[in-house]
Amino acid sequence: MSNFDALKLAVEASMPNNTVLFDDRGMPSVMVKIPKFKVSDVITGGSQSTHPAFIVNGVEKDFIYISKYQNVVIDDRAYSLPMQDPKVAVNFDQAKAFSENKGQGWHLMTNAEWAAIALWCLKNGFLPRGNNNYGSDHSASHETGAASYSEGNRTARIATGSGPVTWSHNGDGSGIYDLNGNVWEWVGGYRTNEGEIQVIPDNNAAVTGTNQTASSTLWKAIDTTGALVAPGTSGTLKFDNTSKLVTTQSGTTGQGNVEFESMAKDASITTVPEILKSLGLFPAGTNLGGDRFYTDSSGERLAYRGGYWHSTSNAGVFSLNGYSTRSNVTTNIGFRSAFVE
């Protein structure tokens, strides 16, 4: 038995919802196994439809596997390992490539997958804390992680998974760590283009090699019924320069932000389609922790989620930053990979 096989047995014996998956070079990543659920399981009054995160190219998946830890990169491949300084200064296309270099099934964590986890947290009454205030949580300063990178004499990034269990998605050592703060995380399958909300349907962005370039024909807009339509169709859903949900842009375009729970819609939208709530693009409940939602209604903008070490109350599992172009690179943006069979 190899040391990696022994690691897999030890992880699964101590935490049955965790596993160690190997890439096509036989290198390990610690993953959290998330069983399929319906929209109604995480959104009160939601439909009986399977959550989009578990539908890939029309096939329902019994499980998705999410990196337990923010990823590091070794030989141009992403890995989920504990007690590491997470990879940063990576743009969207690099994060996608590092994830997919591991082989079939591996991909950059998608927005659909992130939203599924966030909604699960909300429904189960636990929103994880994290490193959102220079090594500690702004609301619980006694909770800290092990410094892996400092700014001056202050902790900035912490080592992956080094915080307390309250920094995992389920409040337990078996959970997904650091979804609140530490570093922002690129997510796939979602963007805005001139403010228009565009997605790659269901969780199809989880397919290794899916075209998510600016010119990809896979991007779809969303109309007021929740149907996916061609980008540029009249009356599709958009964010304006105040992060309000609209069907028609008016006035100045540009950046806006809002506390996610307080996001507004204009009068042209009678009922917000369920798909927006399922994808964490419109609030599906209350008591969301002050998480901030940032949009830019000009040009193509991709998203990263969760916040970083200086976001304080703006960070959290529902926080989304949609200000950036796909080429943006900073020391507070990282990523995590995921896997589907």
C-alpha atoms as a PDB file:
ATOM      1  CA  MET A   1       0.000   0.000   0.000  1.00  0.00           C
ATOM      2  CA  SER A   2       1.356   3.429  -0.934  1.00  0.00           C
ATOM      3  CA  ASN A   3       1.553   6.283   1.538  1.00  0.00           C
ATOM      4  CA  PHE A   4      -1.151   8.071  -0.476  1.00  0.00           C
ATOM      5  CA  ASP A   5      -3.473   5.037  -0.218  1.00  0.00           C
ATOM      6  CA  ALA A   6      -2.900   4.995   3.518  1.00  0.00           C
ATOM      7  CA  LEU A   7      -3.736   8.698   3.619  1.00  0.00           C
ATOM      8  CA  LYS A   8      -6.998   8.035   1.783  1.00  0.00           C
ATOM      9  CA  LEU A   9      -7.994   5.273   4.228  1.00  0.00           C
ATOM     10  CA  ALA A  10      -7.154   7.451   7.225  1.00  0.00           C
ATOM     11  CA  VAL A  11      -9.140  10.431   5.926  1.00  0.00           C
ATOM     12  CA  GLU A  12     -12.205   8.344   5.056  1.00  0.00           C
ATOM     13  CA  ALA A  13     -12.105   6.470   8.367  1.00  0.00           C
ATOM     14  CA  SER A  14     -12.040   9.652  10.443  1.00  0.00           C
ATOM     15  CA  MET A  15     -14.384  11.743   8.265  1.00  0.00           C
ATOM     16  CA  PRO A  16     -16.680   9.612   6.067  1.00  0.00           C
ATOM     17  CA  ASN A  17     -17.821  12.589   3.945  1.00  0.00           C
ATOM     18  CA  ASN A  18     -14.177  13.349   3.097  1.00  0.00           C
ATOM     19  CA  THR A  19     -12.032  11.483   0.646  1.00  0.00           C
ATOM     20  CA  VAL A  20      -8.700  11.715  -1.118  1.00  0.00           C
ATOM     21  CA  LEU A  21      -8.941  11.848  -4.906  1.00  0.00           C
ATOM     22  CA  PHE A  22      -5.955  11.352  -7.177  1.00  0.00           C
ATOM     23  CA  ASP A  23      -5.238  13.164 -10.413  1.00  0.00           C
ATOM     24  CA  ASP A  24      -3.957  11.408 -13.525  1.00  0.00           C
ATOM     25  CA  ARG A  25      -0.430  11.524 -12.106  1.00  0.00           C
ATOM     26  CA  GLY A  26      -1.526   9.819  -8.888  1.00  0.00           C
ATOM     27  CA  MET A  27      -1.152  12.948  -6.744  1.00  0.00           C
ATOM     28  CA  PRO A  28      -3.679  13.468  -3.923  1.00  0.00           C
ATOM     29  CA  SER A  29      -6.212  16.168  -3.057  1.00  0.00           C
ATOM     30  CA  VAL A  30      -8.400  16.157   0.045  1.00  0.00           C
ATOM     31  CA  MET A  31     -12.005  16.574  -1.057  1.00  0.00           C
ATOM     32  CA  VAL A  32     -15.431  16.910   0.570  1.00  0.00           C
ATOM     33  CA  LYS A  33     -18.176  14.763  -0.939  1.00  0.00           C
ATOM     34  CA  ILE A  34     -21.477  16.652  -1.306  1.00  0.00           C
ATOM     35  CA  PRO A  35     -24.588  14.518  -1.972  1.00  0.00           C
ATOM     36  CA  LYS A  36     -27.208  15.619  -4.489  1.00  0.00           C
ATOM     37  CA  PHE A  37     -30.129  17.684  -3.203  1.00  0.00           C
ATOM     38  CA  LYS A  38     -33.181  19.472  -4.564  1.00  0.00           C
ATOM     39  CA  VAL A  39     -33.744  23.219  -4.705  1.00  0.00           C
ATOM     40  CA  SER A  40     -36.512  22.787  -2.098  1.00  0.00           C
ATOM     41  CA  ASP A  41     -33.955  21.270   0.293  1.00  0.00           C
ATOM     42  CA  VAL A  42     -32.088  24.572   0.515  1.00  0.00           C
ATOM     43  CA  ILE A  43     -34.645  27.243  -0.491  1.00  0.00           C
ATOM     44  CA  THR A  44     -37.921  27.502   1.398  1.00  0.00           C
ATOM     45  CA  GLY A  45     -40.739  27.232  -1.137  1.00  0.00           C
ATOM     46  CA  GLY A  46     -38.318  26.127  -3.846  1.00  0.00           C
ATOM     47  CA  SER A  47     -39.123  23.612  -6.548  1.00  0.00           C
ATOM     48  CA  GLN A  48     -38.581  19.867  -6.427  1.00  0.00           C
ATOM     49  CA  SER A  49     -35.988  20.202  -9.189  1.00  0.00           C
ATOM     50  CA  THR A  50     -32.456  18.989  -8.580  1.00  0.00           C
ATOM     51  CA  HIS A  51     -30.133  21.872  -7.768  1.00  0.00           C
ATOM     52  CA  PRO A  52     -28.214  22.907 -10.938  1.00  0.00           C
ATOM     53  CA  ALA A  53     -24.868  22.051  -9.318  1.00  0.00           C
ATOM     54  CA  PHE A  54     -25.728  18.357  -9.671  1.00  0.00           C
ATOM     55  CA  ILE A  55     -26.736  18.435 -13.365  1.00  0.00           C
ATOM     56  CA  VAL A  56     -23.914  18.105 -15.877  1.00  0.00           C
ATOM     57  CA  ASN A  57     -24.743  17.910 -19.596  1.00  0.00           C
ATOM     58  CA  GLY A  58     -28.256  16.766 -18.747  1.00  0.00           C
ATOM     59  CA  VAL A  59     -27.112  13.976 -16.411  1.00  0.00           C
ATOM     60  CA  GLU A  60     -27.813  14.153 -12.679  1.00  0.00           C
ATOM     61  CA  LYS A  61     -24.800  13.456 -10.478  1.00  0.00           C
ATOM     62  CA  ASP A  62     -25.257  11.781  -7.104  1.00  0.00           C
ATOM     63  CA  PHE A  63     -22.259  13.661  -5.721  1.00  0.00           C
ATOM     64  CA  ILE A  64     -19.942  16.555  -6.408  1.00  0.00           C
ATOM     65  CA  TYR A  65     -16.513  16.773  -4.804  1.00  0.00           C
ATOM     66  CA  ILE A  66     -15.234  20.129  -3.556  1.00  0.00           C
ATOM     67  CA  SER A  67     -11.664  20.879  -2.508  1.00  0.00           C
ATOM     68  CA  LYS A  68     -11.579  20.942   1.263  1.00  0.00           C
ATOM     69  CA  TYR A  69      -8.921  23.634   1.109  1.00  0.00           C
ATOM     70  CA  GLN A  70      -8.093  26.613  -1.065  1.00  0.00           C
ATOM     71  CA  ASN A  71      -5.667  25.279  -3.642  1.00  0.00           C
ATOM     72  CA  VAL A  72      -1.933  25.343  -4.075  1.00  0.00           C
ATOM     73  CA  VAL A  73      -0.247  24.779  -7.436  1.00  0.00           C
ATOM     74  CA  ILE A  74       2.515  22.208  -8.025  1.00  0.00           C
ATOM     75  CA  ASP A  75       3.825  21.615 -11.555  1.00  0.00           C
ATOM     76  CA  ASP A  76       0.946  23.643 -13.034  1.00  0.00           C
ATOM     77  CA  ARG A  77      -1.672  21.518 -11.239  1.00  0.00           C
ATOM     78  CA  ALA A  78      -4.048  22.485  -8.442  1.00  0.00           C
ATOM     79  CA  TYR A  79      -4.102  20.562  -5.164  1.00  0.00           C
ATOM     80  CA  SER A  80      -6.223  20.666  -2.025  1.00  0.00           C
ATOM     81  CA  LEU A  81      -3.809  20.207   0.877  1.00  0.00           C
ATOM     82  CA  PRO A  82      -3.828  21.394   4.506  1.00  0.00           C
ATOM     83  CA  MET A  83      -1.480  23.910   6.113  1.00  0.00           C
ATOM     84  CA  GLN A  84      -0.305  25.516   2.857  1.00  0.00           C
ATOM     85  CA  ASP A  85      -0.111  29.117   1.708  1.00  0.00           C
ATOM     86  CA  PRO A  86      -2.864  29.242  -0.955  1.00  0.00           C
ATOM     87  CA  LYS A  87      -1.921  30.026  -4.538  1.00  0.00           C
ATOM     88  CA  VAL A  88      -2.641  33.668  -5.415  1.00  0.00           C
ATOM     89  CA  ALA A  89      -1.749  36.137  -8.175  1.00  0.00           C
ATOM     90  CA  VAL A  90      -3.590  33.917 -10.632  1.00  0.00           C
ATOM     91  CA  ASN A  91      -6.058  35.106 -13.271  1.00  0.00           C
ATOM     92  CA  PHE A  92      -9.296  33.343 -14.228  1.00  0.00           C
ATOM     93  CA  ASP A  93      -7.931  31.424 -17.202  1.00  0.00           C
ATOM     94  CA  GLN A  94      -4.894  30.269 -15.228  1.00  0.00           C
ATOM     95  CA  ALA A  95      -7.059  29.052 -12.337  1.00  0.00           C
ATOM     96  CA  LYS A  96      -9.219  27.141 -14.823  1.00  0.00           C
ATOM     97  CA  ALA A  97      -6.173  25.607 -16.520  1.00  0.00           C
ATOM     98  CA  PHE A  98      -4.459  24.608 -13.266  1.00  0.00           C
ATOM     99  CA  SER A  99      -7.661  22.811 -12.234  1.00  0.00           C
ATOM    100  CA  GLU A 100      -8.220  21.055 -15.567  1.00  0.00           C
ATOM    101  CA  ASN A 101      -4.580  19.992 -15.951  1.00  0.00           C
ATOM    102  CA  LYS A 102      -5.285  17.279 -13.382  1.00  0.00           C
ATOM    103  CA  GLY A 103      -7.332  15.188 -15.829  1.00  0.00           C
ATOM    104  CA  GLN A 104     -10.937  14.427 -16.746  1.00  0.00           C
ATOM    105  CA  GLY A 105     -13.562  15.483 -14.208  1.00  0.00           C
ATOM    106  CA  TRP A 106     -11.380  18.126 -12.603  1.00  0.00           C
ATOM    107  CA  HIS A 107     -12.427  21.748 -13.013  1.00  0.00           C
ATOM    108  CA  LEU A 108     -12.395  25.184 -11.437  1.00  0.00           C
ATOM    109  CA  MET A 109     -15.130  25.264  -8.800  1.00  0.00           C
ATOM    110  CA  THR A 110     -18.202  26.687 -10.475  1.00  0.00           C
ATOM    111  CA  ASN A 111     -20.556  29.375  -9.266  1.00  0.00           C
ATOM    112  CA  ALA A 112     -23.352  26.758  -9.253  1.00  0.00           C
ATOM    113  CA  GLU A 113     -21.317  24.606  -6.871  1.00  0.00           C
ATOM    114  CA  TRP A 114     -20.392  27.557  -4.658  1.00  0.00           C
ATOM    115  CA  ALA A 115     -24.047  28.666  -4.460  1.00  0.00           C
ATOM    116  CA  ALA A 116     -25.184  25.146  -3.584  1.00  0.00           C
ATOM    117  CA  ILE A 117     -22.803  25.100  -0.610  1.00  0.00           C
ATOM    118  CA  ALA A 118     -23.788  28.618   0.500  1.00  0.00           C
ATOM    119  CA  LEU A 119     -27.501  27.784   0.365  1.00  0.00           C
ATOM    120  CA  TRP A 120     -26.887  24.546   2.276  1.00  0.00           C
ATOM    121  CA  CYS A 121     -25.134  26.560   4.987  1.00  0.00           C
ATOM    122  CA  LEU A 122     -28.028  29.020   5.224  1.00  0.00           C
ATOM    123  CA  LYS A 123     -30.680  26.292   5.348  1.00  0.00           C
ATOM    124  CA  ASN A 124     -28.788  24.441   8.057  1.00  0.00           C
ATOM    125  CA  GLY A 125     -28.443  27.545  10.188  1.00  0.00           C
ATOM    126  CA  PHE A 126     -24.675  27.939  10.080  1.00  0.00           C
ATOM    127  CA  LEU A 127     -22.746  30.589   8.156  1.00  0.00           C
ATOM    128  CA  PRO A 128     -19.014  29.952   8.497  1.00  0.00           C
ATOM    129  CA  ARG A 129     -16.686  32.580   9.883  1.00  0.00           C
ATOM    130  CA  GLY A 130     -13.135  33.000   8.619  1.00  0.00           C
ATOM    131  CA  ASN A 131     -10.025  35.092   8.116  1.00  0.00           C
ATOM    132  CA  ASN A 132     -11.613  38.401   7.179  1.00  0.00           C
ATOM    133  CA  ASN A 133      -9.733  40.689   9.563  1.00  0.00           C
ATOM    134  CA  TYR A 134      -5.987  40.165   9.265  1.00  0.00           C
ATOM    135  CA  GLY A 135      -5.771  36.595  10.537  1.00  0.00           C
ATOM    136  CA  SER A 136      -8.941  36.556  12.611  1.00  0.00           C
ATOM    137  CA  ASP A 137     -12.683  36.865  12.178  1.00  0.00           C
ATOM    138  CA  HIS A 138     -14.055  40.378  12.617  1.00  0.00           C
ATOM    139  CA  SER A 139     -16.924  39.109  14.780  1.00  0.00           C
ATOM    140  CA  ALA A 140     -14.851  36.666  16.846  1.00  0.00           C
ATOM    141  CA  SER A 141     -11.343  38.065  17.233  1.00  0.00           C
ATOM    142  CA  HIS A 142     -10.240  35.115  19.384  1.00  0.00           C
ATOM    143  CA  GLU A 143     -10.575  32.859  16.312  1.00  0.00           C
ATOM    144  CA  THR A 144      -7.320  32.859  14.373  1.00  0.00           C
ATOM    145  CA  GLY A 145      -5.355  30.824  11.850  1.00  0.00           C
ATOM    146  CA  ALA A 146      -1.654  30.202  11.280  1.00  0.00           C
ATOM    147  CA  ALA A 147      -0.063  33.054   9.318  1.00  0.00           C
ATOM    148  CA  SER A 148       1.293  32.076   5.899  1.00  0.00           C
ATOM    149  CA  TYR A 149       1.806  35.600   4.506  1.00  0.00           C
ATOM    150  CA  SER A 150       1.988  38.967   6.237  1.00  0.00           C
ATOM    151  CA  GLU A 151       1.571  42.596   5.274  1.00  0.00           C
ATOM    152  CA  GLY A 152       4.055  44.585   7.316  1.00  0.00           C
ATOM    153  CA  ASN A 153       3.682  43.260  10.850  1.00  0.00           C
ATOM    154  CA  ARG A 154       0.107  42.019  10.362  1.00  0.00           C
ATOM    155  CA  THR A 155      -1.117  38.592   9.323  1.00  0.00           C
ATOM    156  CA  ALA A 156      -2.747  38.568   5.885  1.00  0.00           C
ATOM    157  CA  ARG A 157      -3.177  35.068   4.446  1.00  0.00           C
ATOM    158  CA  ILE A 158      -3.384  32.048   6.724  1.00  0.00           C
ATOM    159  CA  ALA A 159      -2.394  28.452   6.004  1.00  0.00           C
ATOM    160  CA  THR A 160      -5.205  26.420   4.454  1.00  0.00           C
ATOM    161  CA  GLY A 161      -7.501  24.844   7.025  1.00  0.00           C
ATOM    162  CA  SER A 162      -5.535  26.234   9.972  1.00  0.00           C
ATOM    163  CA  GLY A 163      -8.491  28.062  11.491  1.00  0.00           C
ATOM    164  CA  PRO A 164     -11.031  26.636  13.955  1.00  0.00           C
ATOM    165  CA  VAL A 165     -13.936  24.402  12.901  1.00  0.00           C
ATOM    166  CA  THR A 166     -16.199  27.471  12.818  1.00  0.00           C
ATOM    167  CA  TRP A 167     -14.285  28.352   9.637  1.00  0.00           C
ATOM    168  CA  SER A 168     -15.592  25.255   7.861  1.00  0.00           C
ATOM    169  CA  HIS A 169     -18.887  25.211   5.985  1.00  0.00           C
ATOM    170  CA  ASN A 170     -20.621  22.850   8.434  1.00  0.00           C
ATOM    171  CA  GLY A 171     -18.968  23.914  11.682  1.00  0.00           C
ATOM    172  CA  ASP A 172     -17.142  20.604  11.870  1.00  0.00           C
ATOM    173  CA  GLY A 173     -13.682  19.339  11.015  1.00  0.00           C
ATOM    174  CA  SER A 174     -15.198  17.416   8.118  1.00  0.00           C
ATOM    175  CA  GLY A 175     -16.272  20.583   6.307  1.00  0.00           C
ATOM    176  CA  ILE A 176     -14.962  22.802   3.509  1.00  0.00           C
ATOM    177  CA  TYR A 177     -12.600  25.417   4.940  1.00  0.00           C
ATOM    178  CA  ASP A 178     -12.080  29.125   4.239  1.00  0.00           C
ATOM    179  CA  LEU A 179     -15.163  29.946   2.161  1.00  0.00           C
ATOM    180  CA  ASN A 180     -15.302  33.151   4.217  1.00  0.00           C
ATOM    181  CA  GLY A 181     -12.236  35.313   3.724  1.00  0.00           C
ATOM    182  CA  ASN A 182      -8.538  34.503   3.483  1.00  0.00           C
ATOM    183  CA  VAL A 183      -8.438  34.978  -0.324  1.00  0.00           C
ATOM    184  CA  TRP A 184     -11.140  35.581  -2.902  1.00  0.00           C
ATOM    185  CA  GLU A 185     -11.818  32.547  -5.123  1.00  0.00           C
ATOM    186  CA  TRP A 186     -12.474  32.583  -8.855  1.00  0.00           C
ATOM    187  CA  VAL A 187     -15.614  30.658  -9.867  1.00  0.00           C
ATOM    188  CA  GLY A 188     -16.556  29.375 -13.310  1.00  0.00           C
ATOM    189  CA  GLY A 189     -19.757  29.300 -15.328  1.00  0.00           C
ATOM    190  CA  TYR A 190     -20.934  32.837 -14.494  1.00  0.00           C
ATOM    191  CA  ARG A 191     -20.201  36.321 -15.785  1.00  0.00           C
ATOM    192  CA  THR A 192     -21.841  39.619 -16.676  1.00  0.00           C
ATOM    193  CA  ASN A 193     -21.404  41.234 -20.069  1.00  0.00           C
ATOM    194  CA  GLU A 194     -22.415  44.892 -20.250  1.00  0.00           C
ATOM    195  CA  GLY A 195     -24.384  44.158 -17.089  1.00  0.00           C
ATOM    196  CA  GLU A 196     -26.303  41.233 -18.596  1.00  0.00           C
ATOM    197  CA  ILE A 197     -26.246  38.146 -16.355  1.00  0.00           C
ATOM    198  CA  GLN A 198     -24.856  35.187 -18.282  1.00  0.00           C
ATOM    199  CA  VAL A 199     -24.303  31.582 -17.251  1.00  0.00           C
ATOM    200  CA  ILE A 200     -23.218  28.297 -18.730  1.00  0.00           C
ATOM    201  CA  PRO A 201     -26.330  26.100 -18.174  1.00  0.00           C
ATOM    202  CA  ASP A 202     -26.700  23.898 -15.079  1.00  0.00           C
ATOM    203  CA  ASN A 203     -23.229  22.774 -14.011  1.00  0.00           C
ATOM    204  CA  ASN A 204     -21.916  22.224 -17.523  1.00  0.00           C
ATOM    205  CA  ALA A 205     -18.949  24.436 -16.682  1.00  0.00           C
ATOM    206  CA  ALA A 206     -17.761  21.475 -14.585  1.00  0.00           C
ATOM    207  CA  VAL A 207     -16.909  19.553 -17.752  1.00  0.00           C
ATOM    208  CA  THR A 208     -13.150  19.591 -18.241  1.00  0.00           C
ATOM    209  CA  GLY A 209     -12.298  21.807 -21.203  1.00  0.00           C
ATOM    210  CA  THR A 210     -15.621  23.657 -21.371  1.00  0.00           C
ATOM    211  CA  ASN A 211     -15.176  26.829 -23.413  1.00  0.00           C
ATOM    212  CA  GLN A 212     -15.525  29.776 -21.039  1.00  0.00           C
ATOM    213  CA  THR A 213     -13.702  32.305 -23.199  1.00  0.00           C
ATOM    214  CA  ALA A 214     -15.139  35.747 -23.843  1.00  0.00           C
ATOM    215  CA  SER A 215     -16.404  34.689 -27.277  1.00  0.00           C
ATOM    216  CA  SER A 216     -17.791  31.267 -26.270  1.00  0.00           C
ATOM    217  CA  THR A 217     -21.240  30.487 -27.648  1.00  0.00           C
ATOM    218  CA  LEU A 218     -22.031  28.486 -24.492  1.00  0.00           C
ATOM    219  CA  TRP A 219     -22.907  31.609 -22.489  1.00  0.00           C
ATOM    220  CA  LYS A 220     -26.662  32.107 -22.042  1.00  0.00           C
ATOM    221  CA  ALA A 221     -28.651  35.037 -20.705  1.00  0.00           C
ATOM    222  CA  ILE A 222     -31.713  34.696 -18.441  1.00  0.00           C
ATOM    223  CA  ASP A 223     -35.137  36.193 -19.117  1.00  0.00           C
ATOM    224  CA  THR A 224     -37.769  37.160 -16.549  1.00  0.00           C
ATOM    225  CA  THR A 225     -39.318  33.667 -16.628  1.00  0.00           C
ATOM    226  CA  GLY A 226     -35.982  32.063 -15.778  1.00  0.00           C
ATOM    227  CA  ALA A 227     -35.508  30.656 -19.283  1.00  0.00           C
ATOM    228  CA  LEU A 228     -32.030  30.620 -20.777  1.00  0.00           C
ATOM    229  CA  VAL A 229     -31.898  32.652 -23.981  1.00  0.00           C
ATOM    230  CA  ALA A 230     -29.364  34.062 -26.398  1.00  0.00           C
ATOM    231  CA  PRO A 231     -27.256  36.918 -25.007  1.00  0.00           C
ATOM    232  CA  GLY A 232     -28.595  40.282 -26.072  1.00  0.00           C
ATOM    233  CA  THR A 233     -32.220  39.142 -26.214  1.00  0.00           C
ATOM    234  CA  SER A 234     -34.591  41.952 -25.276  1.00  0.00           C
ATOM    235  CA  GLY A 235     -35.682  42.001 -21.641  1.00  0.00           C
ATOM    236  CA  THR A 236     -32.990  39.770 -20.154  1.00  0.00           C
ATOM    237  CA  LEU A 237     -31.930  40.160 -16.528  1.00  0.00           C
ATOM    238  CA  LYS A 238     -29.083  42.547 -15.765  1.00  0.00           C
ATOM    239  CA  PHE A 239     -27.351  44.335 -12.907  1.00  0.00           C
ATOM    240  CA  ASP A 240     -27.238  48.120 -13.143  1.00  0.00           C
ATOM    241  CA  ASN A 241     -24.579  50.414 -11.697  1.00  0.00           C
ATOM    242  CA  THR A 242     -26.160  50.161  -8.225  1.00  0.00           C
ATOM    243  CA  SER A 243     -26.217  46.322  -8.263  1.00  0.00           C
ATOM    244  CA  LYS A 244     -29.994  46.414  -8.691  1.00  0.00           C
ATOM    245  CA  LEU A 245     -31.638  43.656 -10.736  1.00  0.00           C
ATOM    246  CA  VAL A 246     -33.152  45.219 -13.883  1.00  0.00           C
ATOM    247  CA  THR A 247     -34.275  44.346 -17.381  1.00  0.00           C
ATOM    248  CA  THR A 248     -33.232  47.641 -18.985  1.00  0.00           C
ATOM    249  CA  GLN A 249     -30.008  49.519 -18.329  1.00  0.00           C
ATOM    250  CA  SER A 250     -30.504  53.212 -17.763  1.00  0.00           C
ATOM    251  CA  GLY A 251     -28.191  56.050 -16.850  1.00  0.00           C
ATOM    252  CA  THR A 252     -24.508  55.638 -16.102  1.00  0.00           C
ATOM    253  CA  THR A 253     -22.881  52.228 -16.346  1.00  0.00           C
ATOM    254  CA  GLY A 254     -20.136  51.125 -14.012  1.00  0.00           C
ATOM    255  CA  GLN A 255     -19.518  49.682 -10.592  1.00  0.00           C
ATOM    256  CA  GLY A 256     -21.983  49.317  -7.762  1.00  0.00           C
ATOM    257  CA  ASN A 257     -22.312  47.253  -4.618  1.00  0.00           C
ATOM    258  CA  VAL A 258     -24.962  46.339  -2.100  1.00  0.00           C
ATOM    259  CA  GLU A 259     -25.444  44.209   0.970  1.00  0.00           C
ATOM    260  CA  PHE A 260     -26.589  41.003  -0.701  1.00  0.00           C
ATOM    261  CA  GLU A 261     -29.617  40.554   1.549  1.00  0.00           C
ATOM    262  CA  SER A 262     -30.851  44.035   0.550  1.00  0.00           C
ATOM    263  CA  MET A 263     -30.544  43.603  -3.222  1.00  0.00           C
ATOM    264  CA  ALA A 264     -33.456  45.303  -5.003  1.00  0.00           C
ATOM    265  CA  LYS A 265     -35.253  44.669  -8.298  1.00  0.00           C
ATOM    266  CA  ASP A 266     -37.050  47.049 -10.591  1.00  0.00           C
ATOM    267  CA  ALA A 267     -40.778  47.049 -11.277  1.00  0.00           C
ATOM    268  CA  SER A 268     -40.376  45.226 -14.591  1.00  0.00           C
ATOM    269  CA  ILE A 269     -39.563  42.027 -12.657  1.00  0.00           C
ATOM    270  CA  THR A 270     -42.686  40.689 -10.980  1.00  0.00           C
ATOM    271  CA  THR A 271     -41.116  37.529  -9.584  1.00  0.00           C
ATOM    272  CA  VAL A 272     -37.398  36.842  -9.403  1.00  0.00           C
ATOM    273  CA  PRO A 273     -36.749  33.550 -11.227  1.00  0.00           C
ATOM    274  CA  GLU A 274     -35.708  30.654  -9.029  1.00  0.00           C
ATOM    275  CA  ILE A 275     -32.549  30.117 -11.060  1.00  0.00           C
ATOM    276  CA  LEU A 276     -31.074  33.403  -9.783  1.00  0.00           C
ATOM    277  CA  LYS A 277     -31.666  32.358  -6.180  1.00  0.00           C
ATOM    278  CA  SER A 278     -30.312  28.856  -6.833  1.00  0.00           C
ATOM    279  CA  LEU A 279     -27.128  30.377  -8.253  1.00  0.00           C
ATOM    280  CA  GLY A 280     -26.635  32.818  -5.373  1.00  0.00           C
ATOM    281  CA  LEU A 281     -27.311  35.839  -7.581  1.00  0.00           C
ATOM    282  CA  PHE A 282     -30.374  37.077  -5.687  1.00  0.00           C
ATOM    283  CA  PRO A 283     -31.122  36.524  -1.985  1.00  0.00           C
ATOM    284  CA  ALA A 284     -33.201  33.464  -1.115  1.00  0.00           C
ATOM    285  CA  GLY A 285     -33.567  34.295   2.555  1.00  0.00           C
ATOM    286  CA  THR A 286     -32.592  36.628   5.374  1.00  0.00           C
ATOM    287  CA  ASN A 287     -29.881  36.798   8.029  1.00  0.00           C
ATOM    288  CA  LEU A 288     -27.133  36.496   5.421  1.00  0.00           C
ATOM    289  CA  GLY A 289     -24.476  38.056   7.600  1.00  0.00           C
ATOM    290  CA  GLY A 290     -23.920  41.366   5.777  1.00  0.00           C
ATOM    291  CA  ASP A 291     -22.174  39.689   2.829  1.00  0.00           C
ATOM    292  CA  ARG A 292     -21.455  42.194   0.052  1.00  0.00           C
ATOM    293  CA  PHE A 293     -22.310  41.817  -3.631  1.00  0.00           C
ATOM    294  CA  TYR A 294     -20.288  43.830  -6.181  1.00  0.00           C
ATOM    295  CA  THR A 295     -21.198  44.283  -9.849  1.00  0.00           C
ATOM    296  CA  ASP A 296     -19.931  46.198 -12.860  1.00  0.00           C
ATOM    297  CA  SER A 297     -22.327  46.925 -15.703  1.00  0.00           C
ATOM    298  CA  SER A 298     -19.591  47.683 -18.260  1.00  0.00           C
ATOM    299  CA  GLY A 299     -17.727  45.124 -20.352  1.00  0.00           C
ATOM    300  CA  GLU A 300     -17.129  41.457 -19.559  1.00  0.00           C
ATOM    301  CA  ARG A 301     -16.764  40.821 -15.824  1.00  0.00           C
ATOM    302  CA  LEU A 302     -16.061  37.487 -14.167  1.00  0.00           C
ATOM    303  CA  ALA A 303     -16.522  36.712 -10.499  1.00  0.00           C
ATOM    304  CA  TYR A 304     -14.697  35.585  -7.418  1.00  0.00           C
ATOM    305  CA  ARG A 305     -16.410  34.786  -4.144  1.00  0.00           C
ATOM    306  CA  GLY A 306     -15.987  34.713  -0.384  1.00  0.00           C
ATOM    307  CA  GLY A 307     -13.971  37.814   0.496  1.00  0.00           C
ATOM    308  CA  TYR A 308     -10.394  38.119   1.700  1.00  0.00           C
ATOM    309  CA  TRP A 309      -8.411  38.921   4.842  1.00  0.00           C
ATOM    310  CA  HIS A 310      -9.412  42.614   4.884  1.00  0.00           C
ATOM    311  CA  SER A 311     -13.109  42.308   3.941  1.00  0.00           C
ATOM    312  CA  THR A 312     -14.443  42.204   7.549  1.00  0.00           C
ATOM    313  CA  SER A 313     -18.271  42.033   7.559  1.00  0.00           C
ATOM    314  CA  ASN A 314     -18.431  42.194   3.755  1.00  0.00           C
ATOM    315  CA  ALA A 315     -16.944  38.688   3.482  1.00  0.00           C
ATOM    316  CA  GLY A 316     -18.923  35.463   3.611  1.00  0.00           C
ATOM    317  CA  VAL A 317     -20.304  32.577   1.606  1.00  0.00           C
ATOM    318  CA  PHE A 318     -22.762  34.852  -0.227  1.00  0.00           C
ATOM    319  CA  SER A 319     -20.222  37.565  -1.028  1.00  0.00           C
ATOM    320  CA  LEU A 320     -19.465  37.985  -4.743  1.00  0.00           C
ATOM    321  CA  ASN A 321     -17.066  40.366  -6.445  1.00  0.00           C
ATOM    322  CA  GLY A 322     -18.000  40.924 -10.066  1.00  0.00           C
ATOM    323  CA  TYR A 323     -15.751  43.911 -10.722  1.00  0.00           C
ATOM    324  CA  SER A 324     -12.908  42.131 -12.474  1.00  0.00           C
ATOM    325  CA  THR A 325     -11.872  41.267 -15.971  1.00  0.00           C
ATOM    326  CA  ARG A 326     -10.636  37.722 -16.520  1.00  0.00           C
ATOM    327  CA  SER A 327      -7.035  38.942 -16.573  1.00  0.00           C
ATOM    328  CA  ASN A 328      -7.081  40.469 -13.086  1.00  0.00           C
ATOM    329  CA  VAL A 329      -4.228  39.309 -10.842  1.00  0.00           C
ATOM    330  CA  THR A 330      -3.658  40.279  -7.195  1.00  0.00           C
ATOM    331  CA  THR A 331      -2.232  38.727  -4.038  1.00  0.00           C
ATOM    332  CA  ASN A 332      -5.720  38.364  -2.536  1.00  0.00           C
ATOM    333  CA  ILE A 333      -7.321  36.242  -5.294  1.00  0.00           C
ATOM    334  CA  GLY A 334      -6.952  32.454  -5.401  1.00  0.00           C
ATOM    335  CA  PHE A 335      -9.197  29.519  -6.283  1.00  0.00           C
ATOM    336  CA  ARG A 336     -10.174  25.937  -5.548  1.00  0.00           C
ATOM    337  CA  SER A 337     -10.778  23.005  -7.872  1.00  0.00           C
ATOM    338  CA  ALA A 338     -13.668  20.551  -7.803  1.00  0.00           C
ATOM    339  CA  PHE A 339     -14.406  17.163  -9.354  1.00  0.00           C
ATOM    340  CA  VAL A 340     -17.362  15.349 -10.922  1.00  0.00           C
ATOM    341  CA  GLU A 341     -17.392  11.721 -12.037  1.00  0.00           C
END
